[in-house]
Amino acid sequence: MAKTLVVTLTDDLDGSPADETISFALDGKGYEIDLSKANADKFRKALDPYVAKAARTGKAPRSGSRPEAGRVTAFSRLSEDEKGRFRTWAKLPTARRIADAKVEEWHQAGKP
């Protein structure tokens, strides 16, 4: 049986279609955000004065790498059945990143 997986990026700021995922780090923590071209341009322009004065350290993360890849999350500990029920409850059918706090909220709600 063949399967086709389609990943659609959604802008994390305004919910519009996203064009790219931007990786960045602040205070020793890595982040990723999906943004449309317009919001990505705004993000980069907002950082320009800081980047211009900052000293570079180490190598930039490879494109597509995840700062916390392999980290065990509350969502990753759920069974496949629980993941399906959680996604329905949380109305997050295609979310790539799910906060541990959201899974804890689901547990506290009695795991519908």
PDB file of N, CA and C in Angstrom:
ATOM      1  N   MET A   1       0.837  -1.162   0.000  1.00  0.00           N
ATOM      2  CA  MET A   1       0.000   0.000   0.000  1.00  0.00           C
ATOM      3  C   MET A   1       0.892   1.238   0.000  1.00  0.00           C
ATOM      4  N   ALA A   2       0.646   2.136  -0.910  1.00  0.00           N
ATOM      5  CA  ALA A   2       1.415   3.375  -0.998  1.00  0.00           C
ATOM      6  C   ALA A   2       0.690   4.483  -0.251  1.00  0.00           C
ATOM      7  N   LYS A   3       1.478   5.359   0.350  1.00  0.00           N
ATOM      8  CA  LYS A   3       0.917   6.509   1.050  1.00  0.00           C
ATOM      9  C   LYS A   3       1.630   7.753   0.548  1.00  0.00           C
ATOM     10  N   THR A   4       0.894   8.822   0.477  1.00  0.00           N
ATOM     11  CA  THR A   4       1.471  10.114   0.146  1.00  0.00           C
ATOM     12  C   THR A   4       1.224  11.032   1.325  1.00  0.00           C
ATOM     13  N   LEU A   5       2.280  11.595   1.859  1.00  0.00           N
ATOM     14  CA  LEU A   5       2.176  12.507   2.980  1.00  0.00           C
ATOM     15  C   LEU A   5       2.380  13.917   2.461  1.00  0.00           C
ATOM     16  N   VAL A   6       1.402  14.774   2.695  1.00  0.00           N
ATOM     17  CA  VAL A   6       1.493  16.154   2.272  1.00  0.00           C
ATOM     18  C   VAL A   6       1.636  17.019   3.512  1.00  0.00           C
ATOM     19  N   VAL A   7       2.709  17.788   3.574  1.00  0.00           N
ATOM     20  CA  VAL A   7       2.937  18.690   4.695  1.00  0.00           C
ATOM     21  C   VAL A   7       2.639  20.100   4.222  1.00  0.00           C
ATOM     22  N   THR A   8       1.708  20.732   4.898  1.00  0.00           N
ATOM     23  CA  THR A   8       1.355  22.106   4.580  1.00  0.00           C
ATOM     24  C   THR A   8       1.813  22.974   5.737  1.00  0.00           C
ATOM     25  N   LEU A   9       2.666  23.933   5.451  1.00  0.00           N
ATOM     26  CA  LEU A   9       3.134  24.837   6.496  1.00  0.00           C
ATOM     27  C   LEU A   9       2.129  25.965   6.682  1.00  0.00           C
ATOM     28  N   THR A  10       1.877  26.296   7.938  1.00  0.00           N
ATOM     29  CA  THR A  10       0.983  27.390   8.279  1.00  0.00           C
ATOM     30  C   THR A  10       1.785  28.418   9.057  1.00  0.00           C
ATOM     31  N   ASP A  11       1.657  29.679   8.677  1.00  0.00           N
ATOM     32  CA  ASP A  11       2.359  30.765   9.354  1.00  0.00           C
ATOM     33  C   ASP A  11       1.958  30.765  10.828  1.00  0.00           C
ATOM     34  N   ASP A  12       2.958  30.661  11.706  1.00  0.00           N
ATOM     35  CA  ASP A  12       2.694  30.596  13.139  1.00  0.00           C
ATOM     36  C   ASP A  12       2.182  31.917  13.705  1.00  0.00           C
ATOM     37  N   LEU A  13       2.337  33.016  12.976  1.00  0.00           N
ATOM     38  CA  LEU A  13       1.861  34.307  13.468  1.00  0.00           C
ATOM     39  C   LEU A  13       0.421  34.602  13.078  1.00  0.00           C
ATOM     40  N   ASP A  14       0.104  34.396  11.808  1.00  0.00           N
ATOM     41  CA  ASP A  14      -1.218  34.841  11.346  1.00  0.00           C
ATOM     42  C   ASP A  14      -2.083  33.756  10.722  1.00  0.00           C
ATOM     43  N   GLY A  15      -1.592  32.522  10.673  1.00  0.00           N
ATOM     44  CA  GLY A  15      -2.396  31.429  10.156  1.00  0.00           C
ATOM     45  C   GLY A  15      -2.470  31.324   8.644  1.00  0.00           C
ATOM     46  N   SER A  16      -1.791  32.202   7.935  1.00  0.00           N
ATOM     47  CA  SER A  16      -1.764  32.139   6.469  1.00  0.00           C
ATOM     48  C   SER A  16      -0.809  31.024   6.026  1.00  0.00           C
ATOM     49  N   PRO A  17      -0.821  30.666   4.744  1.00  0.00           N
ATOM     50  CA  PRO A  17       0.150  29.664   4.275  1.00  0.00           C
ATOM     51  C   PRO A  17       1.581  30.162   4.507  1.00  0.00           C
ATOM     52  N   ALA A  18       2.428  29.276   5.016  1.00  0.00           N
ATOM     53  CA  ALA A  18       3.829  29.635   5.278  1.00  0.00           C
ATOM     54  C   ALA A  18       4.694  29.183   4.114  1.00  0.00           C
ATOM     55  N   ASP A  19       5.773  29.924   3.886  1.00  0.00           N
ATOM     56  CA  ASP A  19       6.701  29.624   2.805  1.00  0.00           C
ATOM     57  C   ASP A  19       7.985  28.972   3.282  1.00  0.00           C
ATOM     58  N   GLU A  20       8.306  29.155   4.569  1.00  0.00           N
ATOM     59  CA  GLU A  20       9.569  28.618   5.062  1.00  0.00           C
ATOM     60  C   GLU A  20       9.547  28.455   6.569  1.00  0.00           C
ATOM     61  N   THR A  21      10.487  27.647   7.041  1.00  0.00           N
ATOM     62  CA  THR A  21      10.709  27.474   8.470  1.00  0.00           C
ATOM     63  C   THR A  21      12.031  28.140   8.796  1.00  0.00           C
ATOM     64  N   ILE A  22      12.010  29.046   9.759  1.00  0.00           N
ATOM     65  CA  ILE A  22      13.219  29.759  10.171  1.00  0.00           C
ATOM     66  C   ILE A  22      13.681  29.195  11.505  1.00  0.00           C
ATOM     67  N   SER A  23      14.947  28.800  11.569  1.00  0.00           N
ATOM     68  CA  SER A  23      15.555  28.327  12.814  1.00  0.00           C
ATOM     69  C   SER A  23      16.376  29.468  13.399  1.00  0.00           C
ATOM     70  N   PHE A  24      16.283  29.642  14.717  1.00  0.00           N
ATOM     71  CA  PHE A  24      17.092  30.658  15.381  1.00  0.00           C
ATOM     72  C   PHE A  24      17.311  30.236  16.821  1.00  0.00           C
ATOM     73  N   ALA A  25      18.248  30.897  17.477  1.00  0.00           N
ATOM     74  CA  ALA A  25      18.545  30.581  18.870  1.00  0.00           C
ATOM     75  C   ALA A  25      18.590  31.864  19.674  1.00  0.00           C
ATOM     76  N   LEU A  26      18.169  31.767  20.925  1.00  0.00           N
ATOM     77  CA  LEU A  26      18.199  32.905  21.837  1.00  0.00           C
ATOM     78  C   LEU A  26      18.364  32.365  23.250  1.00  0.00           C
ATOM     79  N   ASP A  27      19.282  32.938  23.994  1.00  0.00           N
ATOM     80  CA  ASP A  27      19.530  32.528  25.373  1.00  0.00           C
ATOM     81  C   ASP A  27      19.808  31.024  25.491  1.00  0.00           C
ATOM     82  N   GLY A  28      20.541  30.491  24.511  1.00  0.00           N
ATOM     83  CA  GLY A  28      20.947  29.097  24.554  1.00  0.00           C
ATOM     84  C   GLY A  28      19.868  28.095  24.171  1.00  0.00           C
ATOM     85  N   LYS A  29      18.731  28.576  23.704  1.00  0.00           N
ATOM     86  CA  LYS A  29      17.642  27.687  23.302  1.00  0.00           C
ATOM     87  C   LYS A  29      17.367  27.860  21.818  1.00  0.00           C
ATOM     88  N   GLY A  30      17.182  26.736  21.116  1.00  0.00           N
ATOM     89  CA  GLY A  30      16.885  26.766  19.694  1.00  0.00           C
ATOM     90  C   GLY A  30      15.390  26.808  19.444  1.00  0.00           C
ATOM     91  N   TYR A  31      15.010  27.522  18.400  1.00  0.00           N
ATOM     92  CA  TYR A  31      13.605  27.671  18.042  1.00  0.00           C
ATOM     93  C   TYR A  31      13.435  27.516  16.541  1.00  0.00           C
ATOM     94  N   GLU A  32      12.233  27.168  16.128  1.00  0.00           N
ATOM     95  CA  GLU A  32      11.845  27.169  14.728  1.00  0.00           C
ATOM     96  C   GLU A  32      10.487  27.838  14.634  1.00  0.00           C
ATOM     97  N   ILE A  33      10.273  28.585  13.568  1.00  0.00           N
ATOM     98  CA  ILE A  33       8.982  29.222  13.340  1.00  0.00           C
ATOM     99  C   ILE A  33       8.678  29.153  11.852  1.00  0.00           C
ATOM    100  N   ASP A  34       7.445  28.798  11.521  1.00  0.00           N
ATOM    101  CA  ASP A  34       6.998  28.746  10.132  1.00  0.00           C
ATOM    102  C   ASP A  34       6.392  30.095   9.792  1.00  0.00           C
ATOM    103  N   LEU A  35       6.874  30.705   8.702  1.00  0.00           N
ATOM    104  CA  LEU A  35       6.421  32.048   8.338  1.00  0.00           C
ATOM    105  C   LEU A  35       6.178  32.176   6.845  1.00  0.00           C
ATOM    106  N   SER A  36       5.260  33.068   6.502  1.00  0.00           N
ATOM    107  CA  SER A  36       5.061  33.453   5.100  1.00  0.00           C
ATOM    108  C   SER A  36       6.258  34.284   4.676  1.00  0.00           C
ATOM    109  N   LYS A  37       6.397  34.520   3.395  1.00  0.00           N
ATOM    110  CA  LYS A  37       7.517  35.339   2.904  1.00  0.00           C
ATOM    111  C   LYS A  37       7.483  36.723   3.540  1.00  0.00           C
ATOM    112  N   ALA A  38       6.298  37.326   3.601  1.00  0.00           N
ATOM    113  CA  ALA A  38       6.173  38.680   4.172  1.00  0.00           C
ATOM    114  C   ALA A  38       6.586  38.707   5.635  1.00  0.00           C
ATOM    115  N   ASN A  39       6.122  37.740   6.428  1.00  0.00           N
ATOM    116  CA  ASN A  39       6.483  37.722   7.843  1.00  0.00           C
ATOM    117  C   ASN A  39       7.939  37.327   8.062  1.00  0.00           C
ATOM    118  N   ALA A  40       8.489  36.476   7.189  1.00  0.00           N
ATOM    119  CA  ALA A  40       9.905  36.127   7.276  1.00  0.00           C
ATOM    120  C   ALA A  40      10.772  37.361   7.013  1.00  0.00           C
ATOM    121  N   ASP A  41      10.358  38.164   6.021  1.00  0.00           N
ATOM    122  CA  ASP A  41      11.089  39.406   5.735  1.00  0.00           C
ATOM    123  C   ASP A  41      11.039  40.349   6.932  1.00  0.00           C
ATOM    124  N   LYS A  42       9.872  40.487   7.558  1.00  0.00           N
ATOM    125  CA  LYS A  42       9.730  41.347   8.743  1.00  0.00           C
ATOM    126  C   LYS A  42      10.607  40.841   9.886  1.00  0.00           C
ATOM    127  N   PHE A  43      10.629  39.523  10.072  1.00  0.00           N
ATOM    128  CA  PHE A  43      11.436  38.917  11.130  1.00  0.00           C
ATOM    129  C   PHE A  43      12.911  39.248  10.924  1.00  0.00           C
ATOM    130  N   ARG A  44      13.383  39.032   9.703  1.00  0.00           N
ATOM    131  CA  ARG A  44      14.793  39.302   9.411  1.00  0.00           C
ATOM    132  C   ARG A  44      15.127  40.784   9.550  1.00  0.00           C
ATOM    133  N   LYS A  45      14.247  41.653   9.074  1.00  0.00           N
ATOM    134  CA  LYS A  45      14.490  43.103   9.199  1.00  0.00           C
ATOM    135  C   LYS A  45      14.521  43.535  10.661  1.00  0.00           C
ATOM    136  N   ALA A  46      13.666  42.925  11.496  1.00  0.00           N
ATOM    137  CA  ALA A  46      13.656  43.266  12.921  1.00  0.00           C
ATOM    138  C   ALA A  46      14.974  42.878  13.592  1.00  0.00           C
ATOM    139  N   LEU A  47      15.587  41.795  13.118  1.00  0.00           N
ATOM    140  CA  LEU A  47      16.841  41.326  13.712  1.00  0.00           C
ATOM    141  C   LEU A  47      18.077  42.014  13.129  1.00  0.00           C
ATOM    142  N   ASP A  48      17.939  42.623  11.961  1.00  0.00           N
ATOM    143  CA  ASP A  48      19.091  43.221  11.275  1.00  0.00           C
ATOM    144  C   ASP A  48      19.994  44.068  12.172  1.00  0.00           C
ATOM    145  N   PRO A  49      19.475  45.022  12.954  1.00  0.00           N
ATOM    146  CA  PRO A  49      20.388  45.851  13.752  1.00  0.00           C
ATOM    147  C   PRO A  49      21.145  45.059  14.814  1.00  0.00           C
ATOM    148  N   TYR A  50      20.535  44.003  15.321  1.00  0.00           N
ATOM    149  CA  TYR A  50      21.185  43.179  16.336  1.00  0.00           C
ATOM    150  C   TYR A  50      22.231  42.262  15.705  1.00  0.00           C
ATOM    151  N   VAL A  51      21.881  41.682  14.574  1.00  0.00           N
ATOM    152  CA  VAL A  51      22.814  40.797  13.866  1.00  0.00           C
ATOM    153  C   VAL A  51      24.038  41.583  13.410  1.00  0.00           C
ATOM    154  N   ALA A  52      23.828  42.824  12.978  1.00  0.00           N
ATOM    155  CA  ALA A  52      24.932  43.659  12.500  1.00  0.00           C
ATOM    156  C   ALA A  52      25.964  43.914  13.599  1.00  0.00           C
ATOM    157  N   LYS A  53      25.551  43.959  14.843  1.00  0.00           N
ATOM    158  CA  LYS A  53      26.454  44.255  15.964  1.00  0.00           C
ATOM    159  C   LYS A  53      26.901  43.008  16.723  1.00  0.00           C
ATOM    160  N   ALA A  54      26.286  41.878  16.433  1.00  0.00           N
ATOM    161  CA  ALA A  54      26.568  40.655  17.194  1.00  0.00           C
ATOM    162  C   ALA A  54      27.831  39.959  16.694  1.00  0.00           C
ATOM    163  N   ALA A  55      28.462  39.218  17.577  1.00  0.00           N
ATOM    164  CA  ALA A  55      29.608  38.376  17.211  1.00  0.00           C
ATOM    165  C   ALA A  55      29.086  36.982  16.904  1.00  0.00           C
ATOM    166  N   ARG A  56      29.575  36.393  15.819  1.00  0.00           N
ATOM    167  CA  ARG A  56      29.165  35.031  15.463  1.00  0.00           C
ATOM    168  C   ARG A  56      29.837  34.032  16.377  1.00  0.00           C
ATOM    169  N   THR A  57      29.100  32.982  16.698  1.00  0.00           N
ATOM    170  CA  THR A  57      29.648  31.901  17.505  1.00  0.00           C
ATOM    171  C   THR A  57      29.296  30.579  16.855  1.00  0.00           C
ATOM    172  N   GLY A  58      30.266  29.723  16.689  1.00  0.00           N
ATOM    173  CA  GLY A  58      30.011  28.393  16.153  1.00  0.00           C
ATOM    174  C   GLY A  58      29.371  28.394  14.780  1.00  0.00           C
ATOM    175  N   LYS A  59      28.939  27.228  14.374  1.00  0.00           N
ATOM    176  CA  LYS A  59      28.309  27.048  13.074  1.00  0.00           C
ATOM    177  C   LYS A  59      26.813  27.212  13.208  1.00  0.00           C
ATOM    178  N   ALA A  60      26.199  27.680  12.133  1.00  0.00           N
ATOM    179  CA  ALA A  60      24.742  27.749  12.089  1.00  0.00           C
ATOM    180  C   ALA A  60      24.207  26.332  11.959  1.00  0.00           C
ATOM    181  N   PRO A  61      23.014  26.059  12.524  1.00  0.00           N
ATOM    182  CA  PRO A  61      22.440  24.728  12.361  1.00  0.00           C
ATOM    183  C   PRO A  61      22.188  24.432  10.894  1.00  0.00           C
ATOM    184  N   ARG A  62      22.356  23.180  10.500  1.00  0.00           N
ATOM    185  CA  ARG A  62      22.075  22.789   9.121  1.00  0.00           C
ATOM    186  C   ARG A  62      20.608  23.008   8.829  1.00  0.00           C
ATOM    187  N   SER A  63      20.312  23.368   7.604  1.00  0.00           N
ATOM    188  CA  SER A  63      18.931  23.541   7.192  1.00  0.00           C
ATOM    189  C   SER A  63      18.177  22.240   7.400  1.00  0.00           C
ATOM    190  N   GLY A  64      17.006  22.334   8.000  1.00  0.00           N
ATOM    191  CA  GLY A  64      16.204  21.150   8.232  1.00  0.00           C
ATOM    192  C   GLY A  64      16.528  20.439   9.530  1.00  0.00           C
ATOM    193  N   SER A  65      17.619  20.833  10.200  1.00  0.00           N
ATOM    194  CA  SER A  65      17.922  20.181  11.467  1.00  0.00           C
ATOM    195  C   SER A  65      17.040  20.781  12.550  1.00  0.00           C
ATOM    196  N   ARG A  66      16.800  20.028  13.566  1.00  0.00           N
ATOM    197  CA  ARG A  66      15.955  20.483  14.659  1.00  0.00           C
ATOM    198  C   ARG A  66      16.809  20.542  15.921  1.00  0.00           C
ATOM    199  N   PRO A  67      16.777  21.683  16.619  1.00  0.00           N
ATOM    200  CA  PRO A  67      17.591  21.824  17.816  1.00  0.00           C
ATOM    201  C   PRO A  67      17.295  20.762  18.868  1.00  0.00           C
ATOM    202  N   GLU A  68      16.044  20.301  18.944  1.00  0.00           N
ATOM    203  CA  GLU A  68      15.685  19.349  19.969  1.00  0.00           C
ATOM    204  C   GLU A  68      15.322  17.994  19.366  1.00  0.00           C
ATOM    205  N   ALA A  69      15.869  17.682  18.213  1.00  0.00           N
ATOM    206  CA  ALA A  69      15.554  16.410  17.566  1.00  0.00           C
ATOM    207  C   ALA A  69      15.875  15.267  18.510  1.00  0.00           C
ATOM    208  N   GLY A  70      14.969  14.310  18.585  1.00  0.00           N
ATOM    209  CA  GLY A  70      15.188  13.159  19.424  1.00  0.00           C
ATOM    210  C   GLY A  70      14.754  13.346  20.867  1.00  0.00           C
ATOM    211  N   ARG A  71      14.372  14.551  21.237  1.00  0.00           N
ATOM    212  CA  ARG A  71      13.921  14.808  22.602  1.00  0.00           C
ATOM    213  C   ARG A  71      12.592  14.102  22.817  1.00  0.00           C
ATOM    214  N   VAL A  72      12.462  13.426  23.944  1.00  0.00           N
ATOM    215  CA  VAL A  72      11.215  12.739  24.267  1.00  0.00           C
ATOM    216  C   VAL A  72      10.234  13.782  24.790  1.00  0.00           C
ATOM    217  N   THR A  73       9.109  13.893  24.127  1.00  0.00           N
ATOM    218  CA  THR A  73       8.085  14.854  24.513  1.00  0.00           C
ATOM    219  C   THR A  73       6.881  14.128  25.088  1.00  0.00           C
ATOM    220  N   ALA A  74       5.999  14.874  25.730  1.00  0.00           N
ATOM    221  CA  ALA A  74       4.770  14.279  26.264  1.00  0.00           C
ATOM    222  C   ALA A  74       3.958  13.672  25.132  1.00  0.00           C
ATOM    223  N   PHE A  75       3.914  14.340  23.985  1.00  0.00           N
ATOM    224  CA  PHE A  75       3.153  13.824  22.845  1.00  0.00           C
ATOM    225  C   PHE A  75       3.777  12.536  22.317  1.00  0.00           C
ATOM    226  N   SER A  76       5.096  12.487  22.239  1.00  0.00           N
ATOM    227  CA  SER A  76       5.758  11.293  21.692  1.00  0.00           C
ATOM    228  C   SER A  76       5.570  10.074  22.584  1.00  0.00           C
ATOM    229  N   ARG A  77       5.247  10.285  23.854  1.00  0.00           N
ATOM    230  CA  ARG A  77       5.022   9.164  24.770  1.00  0.00           C
ATOM    231  C   ARG A  77       3.609   8.589  24.668  1.00  0.00           C
ATOM    232  N   LEU A  78       2.711   9.263  23.943  1.00  0.00           N
ATOM    233  CA  LEU A  78       1.340   8.766  23.786  1.00  0.00           C
ATOM    234  C   LEU A  78       1.309   7.594  22.812  1.00  0.00           C
ATOM    235  N   SER A  79       0.345   6.698  22.992  1.00  0.00           N
ATOM    236  CA  SER A  79       0.142   5.619  22.022  1.00  0.00           C
ATOM    237  C   SER A  79      -0.440   6.226  20.749  1.00  0.00           C
ATOM    238  N   GLU A  80      -0.420   5.466  19.665  1.00  0.00           N
ATOM    239  CA  GLU A  80      -0.969   5.982  18.400  1.00  0.00           C
ATOM    240  C   GLU A  80      -2.448   6.333  18.557  1.00  0.00           C
ATOM    241  N   ASP A  81      -3.210   5.499  19.288  1.00  0.00           N
ATOM    242  CA  ASP A  81      -4.620   5.772  19.526  1.00  0.00           C
ATOM    243  C   ASP A  81      -4.788   7.076  20.313  1.00  0.00           C
ATOM    244  N   GLU A  82      -3.974   7.249  21.364  1.00  0.00           N
ATOM    245  CA  GLU A  82      -4.046   8.474  22.167  1.00  0.00           C
ATOM    246  C   GLU A  82      -3.679   9.699  21.331  1.00  0.00           C
ATOM    247  N   LYS A  83      -2.683   9.552  20.470  1.00  0.00           N
ATOM    248  CA  LYS A  83      -2.290  10.678  19.610  1.00  0.00           C
ATOM    249  C   LYS A  83      -3.463  11.120  18.735  1.00  0.00           C
ATOM    250  N   GLY A  84      -4.184  10.152  18.173  1.00  0.00           N
ATOM    251  CA  GLY A  84      -5.340  10.477  17.344  1.00  0.00           C
ATOM    252  C   GLY A  84      -6.422  11.186  18.140  1.00  0.00           C
ATOM    253  N   ARG A  85      -6.730  10.658  19.331  1.00  0.00           N
ATOM    254  CA  ARG A  85      -7.749  11.289  20.177  1.00  0.00           C
ATOM    255  C   ARG A  85      -7.300  12.674  20.633  1.00  0.00           C
ATOM    256  N   PHE A  86      -6.003  12.808  20.968  1.00  0.00           N
ATOM    257  CA  PHE A  86      -5.489  14.124  21.373  1.00  0.00           C
ATOM    258  C   PHE A  86      -5.638  15.131  20.242  1.00  0.00           C
ATOM    259  N   ARG A  87      -5.219  14.764  19.029  1.00  0.00           N
ATOM    260  CA  ARG A  87      -5.285  15.684  17.894  1.00  0.00           C
ATOM    261  C   ARG A  87      -6.724  16.131  17.633  1.00  0.00           C
ATOM    262  N   THR A  88      -7.688  15.201  17.788  1.00  0.00           N
ATOM    263  CA  THR A  88      -9.093  15.562  17.614  1.00  0.00           C
ATOM    264  C   THR A  88      -9.517  16.539  18.705  1.00  0.00           C
ATOM    265  N   TRP A  89      -9.198  16.232  19.963  1.00  0.00           N
ATOM    266  CA  TRP A  89      -9.561  17.082  21.091  1.00  0.00           C
ATOM    267  C   TRP A  89      -8.936  18.474  20.967  1.00  0.00           C
ATOM    268  N   ALA A  90      -7.657  18.512  20.605  1.00  0.00           N
ATOM    269  CA  ALA A  90      -6.921  19.783  20.542  1.00  0.00           C
ATOM    270  C   ALA A  90      -7.158  20.546  19.244  1.00  0.00           C
ATOM    271  N   LYS A  91      -7.855  19.912  18.298  1.00  0.00           N
ATOM    272  CA  LYS A  91      -8.086  20.523  16.984  1.00  0.00           C
ATOM    273  C   LYS A  91      -6.751  20.887  16.325  1.00  0.00           C
ATOM    274  N   LEU A  92      -5.810  19.939  16.392  1.00  0.00           N
ATOM    275  CA  LEU A  92      -4.476  20.101  15.813  1.00  0.00           C
ATOM    276  C   LEU A  92      -4.182  18.913  14.897  1.00  0.00           C
ATOM    277  N   PRO A  93      -4.960  18.750  13.814  1.00  0.00           N
ATOM    278  CA  PRO A  93      -4.799  17.541  12.996  1.00  0.00           C
ATOM    279  C   PRO A  93      -3.448  17.410  12.302  1.00  0.00           C
ATOM    280  N   THR A  94      -2.763  18.533  12.041  1.00  0.00           N
ATOM    281  CA  THR A  94      -1.510  18.452  11.283  1.00  0.00           C
ATOM    282  C   THR A  94      -0.341  19.152  11.959  1.00  0.00           C
ATOM    283  N   ALA A  95      -0.499  19.557  13.220  1.00  0.00           N
ATOM    284  CA  ALA A  95       0.574  20.288  13.903  1.00  0.00           C
ATOM    285  C   ALA A  95       1.842  19.455  13.961  1.00  0.00           C
ATOM    286  N   ARG A  96       2.977  20.086  13.672  1.00  0.00           N
ATOM    287  CA  ARG A  96       4.265  19.381  13.727  1.00  0.00           C
ATOM    288  C   ARG A  96       4.866  19.437  15.117  1.00  0.00           C
ATOM    289  N   ARG A  97       4.594  20.495  15.843  1.00  0.00           N
ATOM    290  CA  ARG A  97       5.143  20.648  17.191  1.00  0.00           C
ATOM    291  C   ARG A  97       3.976  20.818  18.160  1.00  0.00           C
ATOM    292  N   ILE A  98       3.980  20.031  19.217  1.00  0.00           N
ATOM    293  CA  ILE A  98       2.911  20.095  20.206  1.00  0.00           C
ATOM    294  C   ILE A  98       3.544  20.279  21.574  1.00  0.00           C
ATOM    295  N   ALA A  99       3.140  21.332  22.246  1.00  0.00           N
ATOM    296  CA  ALA A  99       3.709  21.666  23.549  1.00  0.00           C
ATOM    297  C   ALA A  99       3.320  20.633  24.599  1.00  0.00           C
ATOM    298  N   ASP A 100       4.262  20.325  25.476  1.00  0.00           N
ATOM    299  CA  ASP A 100       3.989  19.400  26.573  1.00  0.00           C
ATOM    300  C   ASP A 100       2.820  19.911  27.417  1.00  0.00           C
ATOM    301  N   ALA A 101       2.723  21.227  27.587  1.00  0.00           N
ATOM    302  CA  ALA A 101       1.644  21.810  28.393  1.00  0.00           C
ATOM    303  C   ALA A 101       0.277  21.491  27.800  1.00  0.00           C
ATOM    304  N   LYS A 102       0.179  21.452  26.469  1.00  0.00           N
ATOM    305  CA  LYS A 102      -1.094  21.142  25.821  1.00  0.00           C
ATOM    306  C   LYS A 102      -1.477  19.693  26.089  1.00  0.00           C
ATOM    307  N   VAL A 103      -0.506  18.786  26.060  1.00  0.00           N
ATOM    308  CA  VAL A 103      -0.775  17.379  26.358  1.00  0.00           C
ATOM    309  C   VAL A 103      -1.183  17.236  27.824  1.00  0.00           C
ATOM    310  N   GLU A 104      -0.530  17.971  28.717  1.00  0.00           N
ATOM    311  CA  GLU A 104      -0.888  17.942  30.137  1.00  0.00           C
ATOM    312  C   GLU A 104      -2.323  18.453  30.333  1.00  0.00           C
ATOM    313  N   GLU A 105      -2.696  19.488  29.600  1.00  0.00           N
ATOM    314  CA  GLU A 105      -4.065  20.015  29.650  1.00  0.00           C
ATOM    315  C   GLU A 105      -5.067  18.928  29.245  1.00  0.00           C
ATOM    316  N   TRP A 106      -4.708  18.162  28.220  1.00  0.00           N
ATOM    317  CA  TRP A 106      -5.550  17.056  27.754  1.00  0.00           C
ATOM    318  C   TRP A 106      -5.694  15.995  28.844  1.00  0.00           C
ATOM    319  N   HIS A 107      -4.583  15.673  29.494  1.00  0.00           N
ATOM    320  CA  HIS A 107      -4.634  14.692  30.596  1.00  0.00           C
ATOM    321  C   HIS A 107      -5.557  15.195  31.709  1.00  0.00           C
ATOM    322  N   GLN A 108      -5.437  16.475  32.058  1.00  0.00           N
ATOM    323  CA  GLN A 108      -6.244  17.039  33.130  1.00  0.00           C
ATOM    324  C   GLN A 108      -7.725  17.103  32.752  1.00  0.00           C
ATOM    325  N   ALA A 109      -8.002  17.172  31.461  1.00  0.00           N
ATOM    326  CA  ALA A 109      -9.396  17.198  30.996  1.00  0.00           C
ATOM    327  C   ALA A 109     -10.004  15.787  30.985  1.00  0.00           C
ATOM    328  N   GLY A 110      -9.240  14.804  31.352  1.00  0.00           N
ATOM    329  CA  GLY A 110      -9.750  13.442  31.426  1.00  0.00           C
ATOM    330  C   GLY A 110      -9.569  12.630  30.169  1.00  0.00           C
ATOM    331  N   LYS A 111      -8.685  13.032  29.288  1.00  0.00           N
ATOM    332  CA  LYS A 111      -8.386  12.309  28.055  1.00  0.00           C
ATOM    333  C   LYS A 111      -9.655  11.847  27.338  1.00  0.00           C
ATOM    334  N   PRO A 112     -10.405  12.797  26.771  1.00  0.00           N
ATOM    335  CA  PRO A 112     -11.666  12.443  26.092  1.00  0.00           C
ATOM    336  C   PRO A 112     -11.491  11.418  25.003  1.00  0.00           C
TER     337      PRO A 112
END
